[in-house]
PDB file of all heavy atoms in Angstrom:
ATOM      1  N   LYS A   1       0.870  -1.188   0.000  1.00  0.00           N
ATOM      2  CA  LYS A   1       0.000   0.000   0.000  1.00  0.00           C
ATOM      3  C   LYS A   1       0.897   1.226   0.000  1.00  0.00           C
ATOM      4  O   LYS A   1       2.049   1.171   0.432  1.00  0.00           O
ATOM      5  CB  LYS A   1      -0.878   0.014   1.241  1.00  0.00           C
ATOM      6  CG  LYS A   1      -1.811  -1.158   1.366  1.00  0.00           C
ATOM      7  CD  LYS A   1      -2.626  -1.042   2.619  1.00  0.00           C
ATOM      8  CE  LYS A   1      -2.639  -2.224   3.454  1.00  0.00           C
ATOM      9  NZ  LYS A   1      -1.780  -2.940   4.104  1.00  0.00           N
ATOM     10  N   CYS A   2       0.372   2.326  -0.459  1.00  0.00           N
ATOM     11  CA  CYS A   2       1.147   3.565  -0.444  1.00  0.00           C
ATOM     12  C   CYS A   2       1.530   3.889   0.992  1.00  0.00           C
ATOM     13  O   CYS A   2       0.744   3.715   1.921  1.00  0.00           O
ATOM     14  CB  CYS A   2       0.353   4.719  -1.051  1.00  0.00           C
ATOM     15  SG  CYS A   2       0.441   4.719  -2.844  1.00  0.00           S
ATOM     16  N   GLY A   3       2.774   4.325   1.174  1.00  0.00           N
ATOM     17  CA  GLY A   3       3.292   4.611   2.496  1.00  0.00           C
ATOM     18  C   GLY A   3       4.221   3.506   2.987  1.00  0.00           C
ATOM     19  O   GLY A   3       4.699   3.553   4.108  1.00  0.00           O
ATOM     20  N   GLU A   4       4.479   2.486   2.147  1.00  0.00           N
ATOM     21  CA  GLU A   4       5.399   1.402   2.489  1.00  0.00           C
ATOM     22  C   GLU A   4       6.570   1.421   1.515  1.00  0.00           C
ATOM     23  O   GLU A   4       6.409   1.776   0.347  1.00  0.00           O
ATOM     24  CB  GLU A   4       4.705   0.033   2.366  1.00  0.00           C
ATOM     25  CG  GLU A   4       3.566  -0.183   3.328  1.00  0.00           C
ATOM     26  CD  GLU A   4       2.917  -1.551   3.124  1.00  0.00           C
ATOM     27  OE1 GLU A   4       3.357  -2.305   2.223  1.00  0.00           O
ATOM     28  OE2 GLU A   4       1.983  -1.863   3.864  1.00  0.00           O
ATOM     29  N   PRO A   5       7.766   1.019   1.986  1.00  0.00           N
ATOM     30  CA  PRO A   5       8.909   0.976   1.067  1.00  0.00           C
ATOM     31  C   PRO A   5       8.681   0.039  -0.123  1.00  0.00           C
ATOM     32  O   PRO A   5       9.159   0.289  -1.226  1.00  0.00           O
ATOM     33  CB  PRO A   5      10.055   0.465   1.938  1.00  0.00           C
ATOM     34  CG  PRO A   5       9.657   0.753   3.330  1.00  0.00           C
ATOM     35  CD  PRO A   5       8.160   0.716   3.358  1.00  0.00           C
ATOM     36  N   ARG A   6       7.905  -1.039   0.088  1.00  0.00           N
ATOM     37  CA  ARG A   6       7.623  -1.954  -1.029  1.00  0.00           C
ATOM     38  C   ARG A   6       6.877  -1.240  -2.144  1.00  0.00           C
ATOM     39  O   ARG A   6       7.103  -1.491  -3.323  1.00  0.00           O
ATOM     40  CB  ARG A   6       6.778  -3.145  -0.553  1.00  0.00           C
ATOM     41  CG  ARG A   6       7.495  -4.066   0.385  1.00  0.00           C
ATOM     42  CD  ARG A   6       6.678  -5.298   0.715  1.00  0.00           C
ATOM     43  NE  ARG A   6       5.348  -4.988   1.193  1.00  0.00           N
ATOM     44  CZ  ARG A   6       4.290  -5.777   1.024  1.00  0.00           C
ATOM     45  NH1 ARG A   6       4.410  -6.912   0.394  1.00  0.00           N
ATOM     46  NH2 ARG A   6       3.113  -5.429   1.495  1.00  0.00           N
ATOM     47  N   MET A   7       5.963  -0.346  -1.763  1.00  0.00           N
ATOM     48  CA  MET A   7       5.189   0.355  -2.778  1.00  0.00           C
ATOM     49  C   MET A   7       6.056   1.369  -3.510  1.00  0.00           C
ATOM     50  O   MET A   7       5.849   1.621  -4.700  1.00  0.00           O
ATOM     51  CB  MET A   7       3.972   1.040  -2.149  1.00  0.00           C
ATOM     52  CG  MET A   7       2.979   1.551  -3.162  1.00  0.00           C
ATOM     53  SD  MET A   7       2.356   0.186  -4.167  1.00  0.00           S
ATOM     54  CE  MET A   7       1.619   1.085  -5.506  1.00  0.00           C
ATOM     55  N   TYR A   8       7.056   1.923  -2.839  1.00  0.00           N
ATOM     56  CA  TYR A   8       7.993   2.820  -3.511  1.00  0.00           C
ATOM     57  C   TYR A   8       8.679   2.063  -4.655  1.00  0.00           C
ATOM     58  O   TYR A   8       8.767   2.554  -5.777  1.00  0.00           O
ATOM     59  CB  TYR A   8       9.030   3.336  -2.501  1.00  0.00           C
ATOM     60  CG  TYR A   8      10.113   4.192  -3.123  1.00  0.00           C
ATOM     61  CD1 TYR A   8       9.899   5.546  -3.349  1.00  0.00           C
ATOM     62  CD2 TYR A   8      11.336   3.648  -3.476  1.00  0.00           C
ATOM     63  CE1 TYR A   8      10.877   6.339  -3.922  1.00  0.00           C
ATOM     64  CE2 TYR A   8      12.329   4.421  -4.044  1.00  0.00           C
ATOM     65  CZ  TYR A   8      12.099   5.770  -4.269  1.00  0.00           C
ATOM     66  OH  TYR A   8      13.075   6.549  -4.834  1.00  0.00           O
ATOM     67  N   ARG A   9       9.129   0.861  -4.359  1.00  0.00           N
ATOM     68  CA  ARG A   9       9.781   0.054  -5.397  1.00  0.00           C
ATOM     69  C   ARG A   9       8.801  -0.348  -6.491  1.00  0.00           C
ATOM     70  O   ARG A   9       9.153  -0.440  -7.662  1.00  0.00           O
ATOM     71  CB  ARG A   9      10.446  -1.159  -4.759  1.00  0.00           C
ATOM     72  CG  ARG A   9      11.625  -0.780  -3.867  1.00  0.00           C
ATOM     73  CD  ARG A   9      12.406  -1.984  -3.388  1.00  0.00           C
ATOM     74  NE  ARG A   9      11.651  -2.877  -2.529  1.00  0.00           N
ATOM     75  CZ  ARG A   9      11.550  -2.731  -1.209  1.00  0.00           C
ATOM     76  NH1 ARG A   9      12.140  -1.726  -0.596  1.00  0.00           N
ATOM     77  NH2 ARG A   9      10.859  -3.607  -0.498  1.00  0.00           N
ATOM     78  N   ARG A  10       7.560  -0.584  -6.122  1.00  0.00           N
ATOM     79  CA  ARG A  10       6.538  -0.931  -7.110  1.00  0.00           C
ATOM     80  C   ARG A  10       6.288   0.248  -8.044  1.00  0.00           C
ATOM     81  O   ARG A  10       6.155   0.086  -9.251  1.00  0.00           O
ATOM     82  CB  ARG A  10       5.251  -1.343  -6.394  1.00  0.00           C
ATOM     83  CG  ARG A  10       4.018  -1.544  -7.254  1.00  0.00           C
ATOM     84  CD  ARG A  10       3.987  -2.848  -8.037  1.00  0.00           C
ATOM     85  NE  ARG A  10       4.045  -4.030  -7.239  1.00  0.00           N
ATOM     86  CZ  ARG A  10       2.994  -4.671  -6.733  1.00  0.00           C
ATOM     87  NH1 ARG A  10       1.784  -4.214  -6.918  1.00  0.00           N
ATOM     88  NH2 ARG A  10       3.165  -5.771  -6.044  1.00  0.00           N
ATOM     89  N   HIS A  11       6.205   1.464  -7.470  1.00  0.00           N
ATOM     90  CA  HIS A  11       6.041   2.664  -8.303  1.00  0.00           C
ATOM     91  C   HIS A  11       7.169   2.736  -9.333  1.00  0.00           C
ATOM     92  O   HIS A  11       6.918   2.963 -10.517  1.00  0.00           O
ATOM     93  CB  HIS A  11       6.089   3.947  -7.449  1.00  0.00           C
ATOM     94  CG  HIS A  11       4.836   4.239  -6.685  1.00  0.00           C
ATOM     95  ND1 HIS A  11       3.589   4.309  -7.259  1.00  0.00           N
ATOM     96  CD2 HIS A  11       4.656   4.523  -5.362  1.00  0.00           C
ATOM     97  CE1 HIS A  11       2.688   4.608  -6.340  1.00  0.00           C
ATOM     98  NE2 HIS A  11       3.317   4.748  -5.159  1.00  0.00           N
ATOM     99  N   LEU A  12       8.407   2.521  -8.884  1.00  0.00           N
ATOM    100  CA  LEU A  12       9.542   2.606  -9.793  1.00  0.00           C
ATOM    101  C   LEU A  12       9.490   1.511 -10.855  1.00  0.00           C
ATOM    102  O   LEU A  12       9.788   1.751 -12.027  1.00  0.00           O
ATOM    103  CB  LEU A  12      10.859   2.512  -9.014  1.00  0.00           C
ATOM    104  CG  LEU A  12      11.175   3.683  -8.082  1.00  0.00           C
ATOM    105  CD1 LEU A  12      12.478   3.412  -7.338  1.00  0.00           C
ATOM    106  CD2 LEU A  12      11.261   4.985  -8.849  1.00  0.00           C
ATOM    107  N   ALA A  13       9.111   0.303 -10.465  1.00  0.00           N
ATOM    108  CA  ALA A  13       9.039  -0.805 -11.416  1.00  0.00           C
ATOM    109  C   ALA A  13       7.982  -0.558 -12.486  1.00  0.00           C
ATOM    110  O   ALA A  13       8.149  -0.969 -13.640  1.00  0.00           O
ATOM    111  CB  ALA A  13       8.736  -2.107 -10.686  1.00  0.00           C
ATOM    112  N   LEU A  14       6.906   0.121 -12.108  1.00  0.00           N
ATOM    113  CA  LEU A  14       5.834   0.408 -13.068  1.00  0.00           C
ATOM    114  C   LEU A  14       6.113   1.672 -13.874  1.00  0.00           C
ATOM    115  O   LEU A  14       5.301   2.062 -14.711  1.00  0.00           O
ATOM    116  CB  LEU A  14       4.494   0.538 -12.336  1.00  0.00           C
ATOM    117  CG  LEU A  14       3.990  -0.726 -11.652  1.00  0.00           C
ATOM    118  CD1 LEU A  14       2.728  -0.448 -10.847  1.00  0.00           C
ATOM    119  CD2 LEU A  14       3.726  -1.816 -12.682  1.00  0.00           C
ATOM    120  N   GLY A  15       7.234   2.328 -13.587  1.00  0.00           N
ATOM    121  CA  GLY A  15       7.583   3.540 -14.326  1.00  0.00           C
ATOM    122  C   GLY A  15       6.827   4.759 -13.851  1.00  0.00           C
ATOM    123  O   GLY A  15       6.737   5.754 -14.576  1.00  0.00           O
ATOM    124  N   GLU A  16       6.285   4.709 -12.649  1.00  0.00           N
ATOM    125  CA  GLU A  16       5.520   5.834 -12.100  1.00  0.00           C
ATOM    126  C   GLU A  16       6.438   6.700 -11.241  1.00  0.00           C
ATOM    127  O   GLU A  16       7.497   6.261 -10.791  1.00  0.00           O
ATOM    128  CB  GLU A  16       4.370   5.320 -11.229  1.00  0.00           C
ATOM    129  CG  GLU A  16       3.421   4.384 -11.944  1.00  0.00           C
ATOM    130  CD  GLU A  16       2.438   3.715 -10.996  1.00  0.00           C
ATOM    131  OE1 GLU A  16       2.601   3.834  -9.767  1.00  0.00           O
ATOM    132  OE2 GLU A  16       1.531   3.065 -11.512  1.00  0.00           O
ATOM    133  N   VAL A  17       5.988   7.890 -10.986  1.00  0.00           N
ATOM    134  CA  VAL A  17       6.686   8.764 -10.045  1.00  0.00           C
ATOM    135  C   VAL A  17       6.158   8.401  -8.658  1.00  0.00           C
ATOM    136  O   VAL A  17       4.945   8.435  -8.431  1.00  0.00           O
ATOM    137  CB  VAL A  17       6.404  10.251 -10.358  1.00  0.00           C
ATOM    138  CG1 VAL A  17       7.039  11.148  -9.306  1.00  0.00           C
ATOM    139  CG2 VAL A  17       6.903  10.591 -11.750  1.00  0.00           C
ATOM    140  N   PRO A  18       7.041   8.027  -7.716  1.00  0.00           N
ATOM    141  CA  PRO A  18       6.566   7.640  -6.388  1.00  0.00           C
ATOM    142  C   PRO A  18       5.855   8.790  -5.683  1.00  0.00           C
ATOM    143  O   PRO A  18       6.265   9.949  -5.780  1.00  0.00           O
ATOM    144  CB  PRO A  18       7.849   7.258  -5.643  1.00  0.00           C
ATOM    145  CG  PRO A  18       8.840   6.956  -6.714  1.00  0.00           C
ATOM    146  CD  PRO A  18       8.480   7.838  -7.862  1.00  0.00           C
ATOM    147  N   CYS A  19       4.796   8.435  -4.969  1.00  0.00           N
ATOM    148  CA  CYS A  19       4.052   9.452  -4.223  1.00  0.00           C
ATOM    149  C   CYS A  19       4.859   9.901  -3.001  1.00  0.00           C
ATOM    150  O   CYS A  19       5.853   9.263  -2.627  1.00  0.00           O
ATOM    151  CB  CYS A  19       2.682   8.913  -3.811  1.00  0.00           C
ATOM    152  SG  CYS A  19       2.767   7.529  -2.665  1.00  0.00           S
ATOM    153  N   THR A  20       4.440  10.978  -2.390  1.00  0.00           N
ATOM    154  CA  THR A  20       5.159  11.547  -1.254  1.00  0.00           C
ATOM    155  C   THR A  20       5.229  10.569  -0.085  1.00  0.00           C
ATOM    156  O   THR A  20       6.282  10.438   0.562  1.00  0.00           O
ATOM    157  CB  THR A  20       4.468  12.855  -0.805  1.00  0.00           C
ATOM    158  OG1 THR A  20       4.340  13.711  -1.942  1.00  0.00           O
ATOM    159  CG2 THR A  20       5.269  13.559   0.262  1.00  0.00           C
ATOM    160  N   ALA A  21       4.153   9.853   0.192  1.00  0.00           N
ATOM    161  CA  ALA A  21       4.120   8.918   1.319  1.00  0.00           C
ATOM    162  C   ALA A  21       5.100   7.762   1.099  1.00  0.00           C
ATOM    163  O   ALA A  21       5.816   7.342   2.016  1.00  0.00           O
ATOM    164  CB  ALA A  21       2.706   8.380   1.520  1.00  0.00           C
ATOM    165  N   CYS A  22       5.179   7.288  -0.136  1.00  0.00           N
ATOM    166  CA  CYS A  22       6.086   6.175  -0.440  1.00  0.00           C
ATOM    167  C   CYS A  22       7.540   6.634  -0.396  1.00  0.00           C
ATOM    168  O   CYS A  22       8.408   5.901   0.078  1.00  0.00           O
ATOM    169  CB  CYS A  22       5.755   5.585  -1.802  1.00  0.00           C
ATOM    170  SG  CYS A  22       4.164   4.728  -1.840  1.00  0.00           S
ATOM    171  N   ARG A  23       7.822   7.855  -0.879  1.00  0.00           N
ATOM    172  CA  ARG A  23       9.185   8.377  -0.812  1.00  0.00           C
ATOM    173  C   ARG A  23       9.632   8.535   0.636  1.00  0.00           C
ATOM    174  O   ARG A  23      10.758   8.200   0.991  1.00  0.00           O
ATOM    175  CB  ARG A  23       9.283   9.712  -1.538  1.00  0.00           C
ATOM    176  CG  ARG A  23       9.401   9.531  -3.034  1.00  0.00           C
ATOM    177  CD  ARG A  23       9.755  10.805  -3.684  1.00  0.00           C
ATOM    178  NE  ARG A  23       8.745  11.797  -3.294  1.00  0.00           N
ATOM    179  CZ  ARG A  23       8.467  12.901  -3.940  1.00  0.00           C
ATOM    180  NH1 ARG A  23       9.151  13.209  -5.007  1.00  0.00           N
ATOM    181  NH2 ARG A  23       7.530  13.719  -3.539  1.00  0.00           N
ATOM    182  N   ALA A  24       8.732   9.021   1.491  1.00  0.00           N
ATOM    183  CA  ALA A  24       9.060   9.201   2.912  1.00  0.00           C
ATOM    184  C   ALA A  24       9.312   7.851   3.582  1.00  0.00           C
ATOM    185  O   ALA A  24      10.244   7.700   4.375  1.00  0.00           O
ATOM    186  CB  ALA A  24       7.944   9.957   3.622  1.00  0.00           C
ATOM    187  N   ALA A  25       8.469   6.845   3.259  1.00  0.00           N
ATOM    188  CA  ALA A  25       8.634   5.510   3.851  1.00  0.00           C
ATOM    189  C   ALA A  25       9.947   4.881   3.398  1.00  0.00           C
ATOM    190  O   ALA A  25      10.659   4.258   4.189  1.00  0.00           O
ATOM    191  CB  ALA A  25       7.455   4.624   3.464  1.00  0.00           C
ATOM    192  N   ASN A  26      10.300   5.058   2.128  1.00  0.00           N
ATOM    193  CA  ASN A  26      11.549   4.510   1.620  1.00  0.00           C
ATOM    194  C   ASN A  26      12.748   5.208   2.257  1.00  0.00           C
ATOM    195  O   ASN A  26      13.728   4.557   2.615  1.00  0.00           O
ATOM    196  CB  ASN A  26      11.604   4.633   0.097  1.00  0.00           C
ATOM    197  CG  ASN A  26      12.796   3.925  -0.474  1.00  0.00           C
ATOM    198  OD1 ASN A  26      12.925   2.715  -0.326  1.00  0.00           O
ATOM    199  ND2 ASN A  26      13.689   4.677  -1.106  1.00  0.00           N
ATOM    200  N   ALA A  27      12.660   6.520   2.430  1.00  0.00           N
ATOM    201  CA  ALA A  27      13.752   7.263   3.054  1.00  0.00           C
ATOM    202  C   ALA A  27      13.936   6.822   4.509  1.00  0.00           C
ATOM    203  O   ALA A  27      15.061   6.670   4.988  1.00  0.00           O
ATOM    204  CB  ALA A  27      13.487   8.760   2.972  1.00  0.00           C
ATOM    205  N   ALA A  28      12.824   6.595   5.216  1.00  0.00           N
ATOM    206  CA  ALA A  28      12.905   6.149   6.610  1.00  0.00           C
ATOM    207  C   ALA A  28      13.529   4.750   6.687  1.00  0.00           C
ATOM    208  O   ALA A  28      14.360   4.484   7.563  1.00  0.00           O
ATOM    209  CB  ALA A  28      11.521   6.153   7.245  1.00  0.00           C
ATOM    210  N   ALA A  29      13.150   3.865   5.780  1.00  0.00           N
ATOM    211  CA  ALA A  29      13.708   2.512   5.774  1.00  0.00           C
ATOM    212  C   ALA A  29      15.198   2.560   5.435  1.00  0.00           C
ATOM    213  O   ALA A  29      15.999   1.828   6.027  1.00  0.00           O
ATOM    214  CB  ALA A  29      12.968   1.641   4.765  1.00  0.00           C
ATOM    215  N   ASP A  30      15.581   3.425   4.515  1.00  0.00           N
ATOM    216  CA  ASP A  30      16.988   3.563   4.149  1.00  0.00           C
ATOM    217  C   ASP A  30      17.800   4.105   5.325  1.00  0.00           C
ATOM    218  O   ASP A  30      18.894   3.626   5.616  1.00  0.00           O
ATOM    219  CB  ASP A  30      17.105   4.489   2.942  1.00  0.00           C
ATOM    220  CG  ASP A  30      18.497   4.506   2.350  1.00  0.00           C
ATOM    221  OD1 ASP A  30      19.110   3.422   2.298  1.00  0.00           O
ATOM    222  OD2 ASP A  30      18.963   5.590   1.948  1.00  0.00           O
ATOM    223  N   ARG A  31      17.248   5.084   6.014  1.00  0.00           N
ATOM    224  CA  ARG A  31      17.914   5.646   7.189  1.00  0.00           C
ATOM    225  C   ARG A  31      18.079   4.582   8.270  1.00  0.00           C
ATOM    226  O   ARG A  31      19.142   4.425   8.870  1.00  0.00           O
ATOM    227  CB  ARG A  31      17.071   6.819   7.713  1.00  0.00           C
ATOM    228  CG  ARG A  31      17.809   7.902   8.373  1.00  0.00           C
ATOM    229  CD  ARG A  31      16.971   9.136   8.692  1.00  0.00           C
ATOM    230  NE  ARG A  31      15.541   9.011   8.766  1.00  0.00           N
ATOM    231  CZ  ARG A  31      14.684   9.392   7.787  1.00  0.00           C
ATOM    232  NH1 ARG A  31      15.136   9.930   6.671  1.00  0.00           N
ATOM    233  NH2 ARG A  31      13.396   9.244   7.942  1.00  0.00           N
ATOM    234  N   ARG A  32      17.012   3.813   8.499  1.00  0.00           N
ATOM    235  CA  ARG A  32      17.050   2.746   9.503  1.00  0.00           C
ATOM    236  C   ARG A  32      18.103   1.699   9.143  1.00  0.00           C
ATOM    237  O   ARG A  32      18.840   1.219   9.991  1.00  0.00           O
ATOM    238  CB  ARG A  32      15.660   2.105   9.617  1.00  0.00           C
ATOM    239  CG  ARG A  32      15.501   1.090  10.697  1.00  0.00           C
ATOM    240  CD  ARG A  32      14.063   0.621  10.901  1.00  0.00           C
ATOM    241  NE  ARG A  32      13.249   0.530   9.707  1.00  0.00           N
ATOM    242  CZ  ARG A  32      12.304   1.419   9.348  1.00  0.00           C
ATOM    243  NH1 ARG A  32      12.062   2.474  10.097  1.00  0.00           N
ATOM    244  NH2 ARG A  32      11.606   1.261   8.245  1.00  0.00           N
ATOM    245  N   TYR A  33      18.223   1.390   7.844  1.00  0.00           N
ATOM    246  CA  TYR A  33      19.209   0.402   7.405  1.00  0.00           C
ATOM    247  C   TYR A  33      20.635   0.902   7.647  1.00  0.00           C
ATOM    248  O   TYR A  33      21.497   0.154   8.086  1.00  0.00           O
ATOM    249  CB  TYR A  33      19.010   0.073   5.917  1.00  0.00           C
ATOM    250  CG  TYR A  33      19.987  -0.938   5.400  1.00  0.00           C
ATOM    251  CD1 TYR A  33      19.916  -2.265   5.788  1.00  0.00           C
ATOM    252  CD2 TYR A  33      21.002  -0.558   4.536  1.00  0.00           C
ATOM    253  CE1 TYR A  33      20.816  -3.193   5.327  1.00  0.00           C
ATOM    254  CE2 TYR A  33      21.917  -1.483   4.068  1.00  0.00           C
ATOM    255  CZ  TYR A  33      21.817  -2.801   4.468  1.00  0.00           C
ATOM    256  OH  TYR A  33      22.720  -3.726   4.014  1.00  0.00           O
ATOM    257  N   ARG A  34      20.870   2.155   7.345  1.00  0.00           N
ATOM    258  CA  ARG A  34      22.215   2.705   7.566  1.00  0.00           C
ATOM    259  C   ARG A  34      22.577   2.737   9.042  1.00  0.00           C
ATOM    260  O   ARG A  34      23.730   2.538   9.411  1.00  0.00           O
ATOM    261  CB  ARG A  34      22.304   4.109   6.974  1.00  0.00           C
ATOM    262  CG  ARG A  34      22.450   4.105   5.467  1.00  0.00           C
ATOM    263  CD  ARG A  34      22.837   5.472   4.954  1.00  0.00           C
ATOM    264  NE  ARG A  34      21.962   6.509   5.461  1.00  0.00           N
ATOM    265  CZ  ARG A  34      20.991   7.096   4.788  1.00  0.00           C
ATOM    266  NH1 ARG A  34      20.786   6.755   3.542  1.00  0.00           N
ATOM    267  NH2 ARG A  34      20.243   8.026   5.325  1.00  0.00           N
ATOM    268  N   LEU A  35      21.597   2.982   9.911  1.00  0.00           N
ATOM    269  CA  LEU A  35      21.870   3.071  11.347  1.00  0.00           C
ATOM    270  C   LEU A  35      21.948   1.709  12.030  1.00  0.00           C
ATOM    271  O   LEU A  35      22.787   1.486  12.905  1.00  0.00           O
ATOM    272  CB  LEU A  35      20.794   3.916  12.041  1.00  0.00           C
ATOM    273  CG  LEU A  35      20.804   5.406  11.695  1.00  0.00           C
ATOM    274  CD1 LEU A  35      19.563   6.087  12.302  1.00  0.00           C
ATOM    275  CD2 LEU A  35      22.066   6.056  12.197  1.00  0.00           C
ATOM    276  N   THR A  36      21.057   0.780  11.663  1.00  0.00           N
ATOM    277  CA  THR A  36      20.941  -0.491  12.396  1.00  0.00           C
ATOM    278  C   THR A  36      21.332  -1.712  11.582  1.00  0.00           C
ATOM    279  O   THR A  36      21.544  -2.776  12.166  1.00  0.00           O
ATOM    280  CB  THR A  36      19.489  -0.700  12.876  1.00  0.00           C
ATOM    281  OG1 THR A  36      18.638  -0.863  11.724  1.00  0.00           O
ATOM    282  CG2 THR A  36      19.017   0.469  13.727  1.00  0.00           C
ATOM    283  N   GLY A  37      21.377  -1.595  10.264  1.00  0.00           N
ATOM    284  CA  GLY A  37      21.670  -2.765   9.432  1.00  0.00           C
ATOM    285  C   GLY A  37      20.444  -3.589   9.147  1.00  0.00           C
ATOM    286  O   GLY A  37      20.540  -4.671   8.579  1.00  0.00           O
ATOM    287  N   SER A  38      19.264  -3.114   9.520  1.00  0.00           N
ATOM    288  CA  SER A  38      18.030  -3.847   9.287  1.00  0.00           C
ATOM    289  C   SER A  38      17.066  -2.970   8.507  1.00  0.00           C
ATOM    290  O   SER A  38      16.939  -1.777   8.745  1.00  0.00           O
ATOM    291  CB  SER A  38      17.394  -4.247  10.617  1.00  0.00           C
ATOM    292  OG  SER A  38      16.139  -4.824  10.389  1.00  0.00           O
ATOM    293  N   ARG A  39      16.362  -3.550   7.566  1.00  0.00           N
ATOM    294  CA  ARG A  39      15.383  -2.796   6.786  1.00  0.00           C
ATOM    295  C   ARG A  39      14.004  -2.783   7.434  1.00  0.00           C
ATOM    296  O   ARG A  39      13.152  -2.008   7.064  1.00  0.00           O
ATOM    297  CB  ARG A  39      15.264  -3.383   5.389  1.00  0.00           C
ATOM    298  CG  ARG A  39      16.503  -3.204   4.562  1.00  0.00           C
ATOM    299  CD  ARG A  39      16.235  -3.500   3.100  1.00  0.00           C
ATOM    300  NE  ARG A  39      17.463  -3.477   2.321  1.00  0.00           N
ATOM    301  CZ  ARG A  39      18.049  -2.385   1.860  1.00  0.00           C
ATOM    302  NH1 ARG A  39      17.523  -1.220   2.111  1.00  0.00           N
ATOM    303  NH2 ARG A  39      19.151  -2.466   1.167  1.00  0.00           N
ATOM    304  N   THR A  40      13.771  -3.692   8.380  1.00  0.00           N
ATOM    305  CA  THR A  40      12.445  -3.766   8.991  1.00  0.00           C
ATOM    306  C   THR A  40      12.349  -2.860  10.206  1.00  0.00           C
ATOM    307  O   THR A  40      13.307  -2.677  10.946  1.00  0.00           O
ATOM    308  CB  THR A  40      12.124  -5.206   9.427  1.00  0.00           C
ATOM    309  OG1 THR A  40      13.120  -5.646  10.333  1.00  0.00           O
ATOM    310  CG2 THR A  40      12.081  -6.140   8.226  1.00  0.00           C
TER     311      THR A  40
END
C-alpha cells in the first residue's frame, strides 16, 4: 500500500513517479538500514 517501502519500489518498477508517502517511507527505511543494518 502507499506509504510502504515496497510500494515505492513498485512505483519505480511500473515507471511511475513515487508518491510523497512512499518516498518518505523509503527514506525512513533507508535511514534505519544505515543506522541499524536492518530494513524492517
